[in-house]
Amino acid sequence: MADTIIVPSPHGSADTTHVRHHFATAAQQYDAASLGMWTFLITEVLFFGGLFTSYAIYRSLYPDAFASTSAYMNVVLGGINTILLATSTLTMALAVRSAQLSKTRSLINYLSITFLLGAVFLLIKAYEYYSKWSEHLIPGTGFQYANSQLEHHVQIFFFLYFAMTGMHALHMIVGMGLLVMLLVKAARGAFNAEYFTPVRMIGLYWEFVDIIWIFLFPLLYVIGAR
């Protein structure tokens, strides 16, 4: 089916077909969805903010131990993952724009590319986790480190590493599940210039997850690297 270009409504929907009974207008429904998503993202900022604060405190307390871990961080793979997520931010934005213009084929293509980029990211992250396991760098009784004097403090770093990247990966998995839902609905022709709210809201979530990685990469991979 050929794509049809329709000028999008400034509020995401002029068609009342998708308006729930508890909303007076389509614009009100779109504004409520936007407020809800931004409120949710603020709570996510607070959650990750706690992890970032913990990292900052412990890094200031044990700078030598944290800097020494740079030898075990694969900056190349981290950089590749950064490029993948930066690209996925672009493709997700293009997917939103395609939905706004009723370009269903383009919407499906961009959502599929975004999903594939996320999948490659997770595969690379899984390989990194396996490498850390092989090097006995998982915090716990089996933890081993070349410099025994720094071992205890280095465990704190790797605990934060797995906590921060693990929570980020979990958010990625949730995001990919949402992308699958969008793909199924897009294939059924659910989105167009009159109704694209779900694509826009999930796009905001995906872009937030990408931004979190932009902070994780330099903190965990670059700072202290030689």
Protein backbone atom coordinates (compact mmCIF):
# COMPACT_ATOMS: atom_id res chain seq x y z
CA MET A 1 0.00 0.00 0.00
CA ALA A 2 1.40 3.37 -0.96
CA ASP A 3 2.12 5.81 1.82
CA THR A 4 -0.30 8.67 2.21
CA ILE A 5 0.94 12.00 3.49
CA ILE A 6 -1.42 13.92 5.72
CA VAL A 7 -0.52 17.04 7.67
CA PRO A 8 -0.48 15.98 11.34
CA SER A 9 -2.68 17.55 13.97
CA PRO A 10 -0.72 19.66 16.48
CA HIS A 11 -2.23 17.59 19.30
CA GLY A 12 -1.68 14.21 17.69
CA SER A 13 -5.32 13.46 16.92
CA ALA A 14 -8.25 15.27 15.44
CA ASP A 15 -10.17 12.01 14.98
CA THR A 16 -12.42 11.24 17.95
CA THR A 17 -12.37 7.48 17.19
CA HIS A 18 -9.46 6.94 19.59
CA VAL A 19 -10.70 9.26 22.33
CA ARG A 20 -11.49 7.40 25.55
CA HIS A 21 -14.76 8.12 27.31
CA HIS A 22 -13.12 9.99 30.19
CA PHE A 23 -11.58 12.63 27.89
CA ALA A 24 -13.54 15.53 26.44
CA THR A 25 -11.40 15.93 23.31
CA ALA A 26 -8.58 14.25 21.43
CA ALA A 27 -6.27 17.14 22.35
CA GLN A 28 -6.99 16.62 26.04
CA GLN A 29 -6.21 12.92 25.73
CA TYR A 30 -2.91 13.64 23.98
CA ASP A 31 -1.92 16.23 26.58
CA ALA A 32 -2.77 13.80 29.40
CA ALA A 33 -0.64 11.10 27.78
CA SER A 34 2.26 13.54 27.41
CA LEU A 35 1.97 14.66 31.04
CA GLY A 36 1.87 11.06 32.21
CA MET A 37 4.93 10.07 30.19
CA TRP A 38 6.98 13.08 31.30
CA THR A 39 6.01 12.41 34.92
CA PHE A 40 7.13 8.81 34.53
CA LEU A 41 10.42 9.90 32.97
CA ILE A 42 11.04 12.28 35.88
CA THR A 43 10.71 9.36 38.29
CA GLU A 44 13.18 7.44 36.13
CA VAL A 45 15.61 10.37 36.35
CA LEU A 46 15.32 10.23 40.13
CA PHE A 47 15.95 6.48 40.11
CA PHE A 48 19.04 6.64 37.92
CA GLY A 49 20.09 9.81 39.74
CA GLY A 50 20.53 7.76 42.89
CA LEU A 51 22.85 5.36 41.07
CA PHE A 52 24.83 8.21 39.53
CA THR A 53 25.14 9.89 42.92
CA SER A 54 26.43 6.66 44.49
CA TYR A 55 28.96 6.36 41.69
CA ALA A 56 30.14 9.95 42.18
CA ILE A 57 30.55 9.50 45.95
CA TYR A 58 32.50 6.27 45.75
CA ARG A 59 34.64 7.46 42.89
CA SER A 60 35.64 10.51 44.94
CA LEU A 61 36.43 8.26 47.91
CA TYR A 62 38.43 5.65 45.98
CA PRO A 63 39.78 7.34 42.83
CA ASP A 64 42.78 5.03 42.41
CA ALA A 65 40.69 1.87 42.63
CA PHE A 66 38.09 3.16 40.18
CA ALA A 67 40.73 4.41 37.72
CA SER A 68 42.51 1.05 37.78
CA THR A 69 39.44 -0.70 36.37
CA SER A 70 39.88 1.06 33.02
CA ALA A 71 42.19 -1.78 31.96
CA TYR A 72 39.20 -4.14 32.10
CA MET A 73 36.71 -1.93 30.28
CA ASN A 74 36.36 -2.45 26.53
CA VAL A 75 36.16 1.12 25.25
CA VAL A 76 35.78 -0.04 21.63
CA LEU A 77 32.68 -2.12 22.38
CA GLY A 78 31.31 0.64 24.58
CA GLY A 79 31.88 3.11 21.77
CA ILE A 80 30.15 0.85 19.25
CA ASN A 81 27.17 0.55 21.57
CA THR A 82 27.09 4.33 21.92
CA ILE A 83 26.94 4.71 18.14
CA LEU A 84 24.21 2.06 17.94
CA LEU A 85 22.02 3.84 20.48
CA ALA A 86 22.67 7.27 18.97
CA THR A 87 21.57 5.88 15.62
CA SER A 88 18.51 4.26 17.18
CA THR A 89 17.52 7.65 18.60
CA LEU A 90 17.51 9.00 15.05
CA THR A 91 15.53 6.07 13.63
CA MET A 92 13.00 6.32 16.48
CA ALA A 93 12.53 10.03 15.79
CA LEU A 94 12.04 9.22 12.10
CA ALA A 95 9.48 6.57 13.07
CA VAL A 96 7.52 9.17 15.03
CA ARG A 97 7.65 11.55 12.09
CA SER A 98 6.53 8.80 9.72
CA ALA A 99 3.52 8.13 11.95
CA GLN A 100 2.68 11.84 11.97
CA LEU A 101 2.73 11.84 8.17
CA SER A 102 0.70 8.62 7.83
CA LYS A 103 3.67 6.91 6.14
CA THR A 104 2.96 3.40 7.42
CA ARG A 105 5.65 1.65 5.41
CA SER A 106 8.34 4.02 6.60
CA LEU A 107 7.04 3.73 10.17
CA ILE A 108 7.40 -0.05 10.10
CA ASN A 109 10.87 0.19 8.56
CA TYR A 110 12.19 2.66 11.12
CA LEU A 111 10.68 0.76 14.04
CA SER A 112 12.29 -2.44 12.74
CA ILE A 113 15.70 -0.76 12.40
CA THR A 114 15.39 0.66 15.92
CA PHE A 115 14.57 -2.81 17.27
CA LEU A 116 17.54 -4.37 15.46
CA LEU A 117 19.93 -1.71 16.76
CA GLY A 118 18.68 -2.35 20.30
CA ALA A 119 19.13 -6.11 19.83
CA VAL A 120 22.73 -5.69 18.66
CA PHE A 121 23.39 -3.43 21.64
CA LEU A 122 22.15 -6.10 24.04
CA LEU A 123 24.19 -8.82 22.33
CA ILE A 124 27.35 -6.76 22.72
CA LYS A 125 26.48 -6.06 26.35
CA ALA A 126 25.91 -9.78 26.96
CA TYR A 127 29.38 -10.48 25.52
CA GLU A 128 30.86 -7.88 27.86
CA TYR A 129 29.12 -9.49 30.83
CA TYR A 130 30.49 -12.87 29.79
CA SER A 131 33.99 -11.39 29.59
CA LYS A 132 33.67 -9.99 33.11
CA TRP A 133 32.49 -13.39 34.34
CA SER A 134 35.44 -15.11 32.64
CA GLU A 135 37.85 -12.67 34.31
CA HIS A 136 36.25 -13.29 37.74
CA LEU A 137 35.12 -9.68 38.02
CA ILE A 138 31.61 -10.45 39.27
CA PRO A 139 31.31 -9.01 42.81
CA GLY A 140 31.05 -11.75 45.40
CA THR A 141 33.02 -14.64 46.85
CA GLY A 142 34.58 -15.54 43.50
CA PHE A 143 35.85 -12.03 42.77
CA GLN A 144 39.54 -11.83 41.83
CA TYR A 145 41.65 -8.76 41.11
CA ALA A 146 45.32 -8.39 40.23
CA ASN A 147 45.91 -5.69 42.84
CA SER A 148 44.80 -7.22 46.15
CA GLN A 149 45.12 -3.87 47.95
CA LEU A 150 42.42 -2.36 45.75
CA GLU A 151 40.25 -5.45 45.51
CA HIS A 152 37.58 -4.42 48.01
CA HIS A 153 37.10 -0.96 46.53
CA VAL A 154 37.19 -2.29 42.97
CA GLN A 155 34.31 -4.59 43.87
CA ILE A 156 32.27 -1.49 44.66
CA PHE A 157 32.96 -0.21 41.15
CA PHE A 158 31.89 -3.45 39.50
CA PHE A 159 28.81 -3.66 41.68
CA LEU A 160 27.83 -0.20 40.42
CA TYR A 161 28.82 -1.20 36.87
CA PHE A 162 26.49 -4.18 36.85
CA ALA A 163 23.72 -2.33 38.70
CA MET A 164 23.78 0.66 36.34
CA THR A 165 24.28 -1.17 33.05
CA GLY A 166 21.96 -3.98 34.16
CA MET A 167 19.10 -1.59 34.92
CA HIS A 168 19.78 0.17 31.62
CA ALA A 169 19.66 -3.17 29.78
CA LEU A 170 16.38 -4.02 31.52
CA HIS A 171 14.93 -0.73 30.29
CA MET A 172 16.19 -1.59 26.81
CA ILE A 173 14.38 -4.96 26.93
CA VAL A 174 11.16 -3.26 28.01
CA GLY A 175 11.59 -0.73 25.21
CA MET A 176 12.09 -3.47 22.63
CA GLY A 177 8.92 -5.16 23.83
CA LEU A 178 7.08 -1.89 23.31
CA LEU A 179 8.58 -1.61 19.83
CA VAL A 180 7.19 -5.04 18.97
CA MET A 181 3.75 -3.87 20.12
CA LEU A 182 4.06 -0.78 17.91
CA LEU A 183 5.14 -2.91 14.95
CA VAL A 184 2.12 -5.18 15.30
CA LYS A 185 -0.26 -2.22 15.51
CA ALA A 186 1.49 -0.37 12.69
CA ALA A 187 1.14 -3.42 10.45
CA ARG A 188 -2.60 -3.26 11.14
CA GLY A 189 -2.68 0.39 10.11
CA ALA A 190 -3.44 1.71 13.59
CA PHE A 191 -1.32 4.88 13.31
CA ASN A 192 -1.70 7.89 11.05
CA ALA A 193 -1.63 11.66 11.14
CA GLU A 194 -4.83 11.65 13.20
CA TYR A 195 -3.54 9.20 15.83
CA PHE A 196 0.12 8.61 16.66
CA THR A 197 0.17 9.12 20.44
CA PRO A 198 1.58 5.66 21.35
CA VAL A 199 4.44 6.05 18.88
CA ARG A 200 5.28 9.48 20.28
CA MET A 201 5.16 8.35 23.93
CA ILE A 202 7.26 5.22 23.38
CA GLY A 203 9.63 7.35 21.33
CA LEU A 204 10.16 9.58 24.37
CA TYR A 205 10.86 6.53 26.52
CA TRP A 206 13.36 5.13 24.02
CA GLU A 207 15.18 8.43 23.70
CA PHE A 208 15.40 8.69 27.50
CA VAL A 209 17.01 5.25 27.70
CA ASP A 210 19.50 6.27 25.01
CA ILE A 211 20.39 9.44 26.92
CA ILE A 212 21.10 7.42 30.07
CA TRP A 213 23.70 5.44 28.13
CA ILE A 214 25.32 8.65 26.93
CA PHE A 215 26.14 9.32 30.60
CA LEU A 216 27.04 5.72 31.46
CA PHE A 217 29.59 5.35 28.68
CA PRO A 218 32.03 8.11 29.75
CA LEU A 219 31.59 7.40 33.46
CA LEU A 220 32.22 3.68 33.25
CA TYR A 221 34.43 3.33 30.17
CA VAL A 222 36.30 6.56 29.44
CA ILE A 223 37.14 8.28 32.73
CA GLY A 224 40.45 6.91 33.98
CA ALA A 225 41.26 5.14 30.72
CA ARG A 226 44.85 5.25 29.52
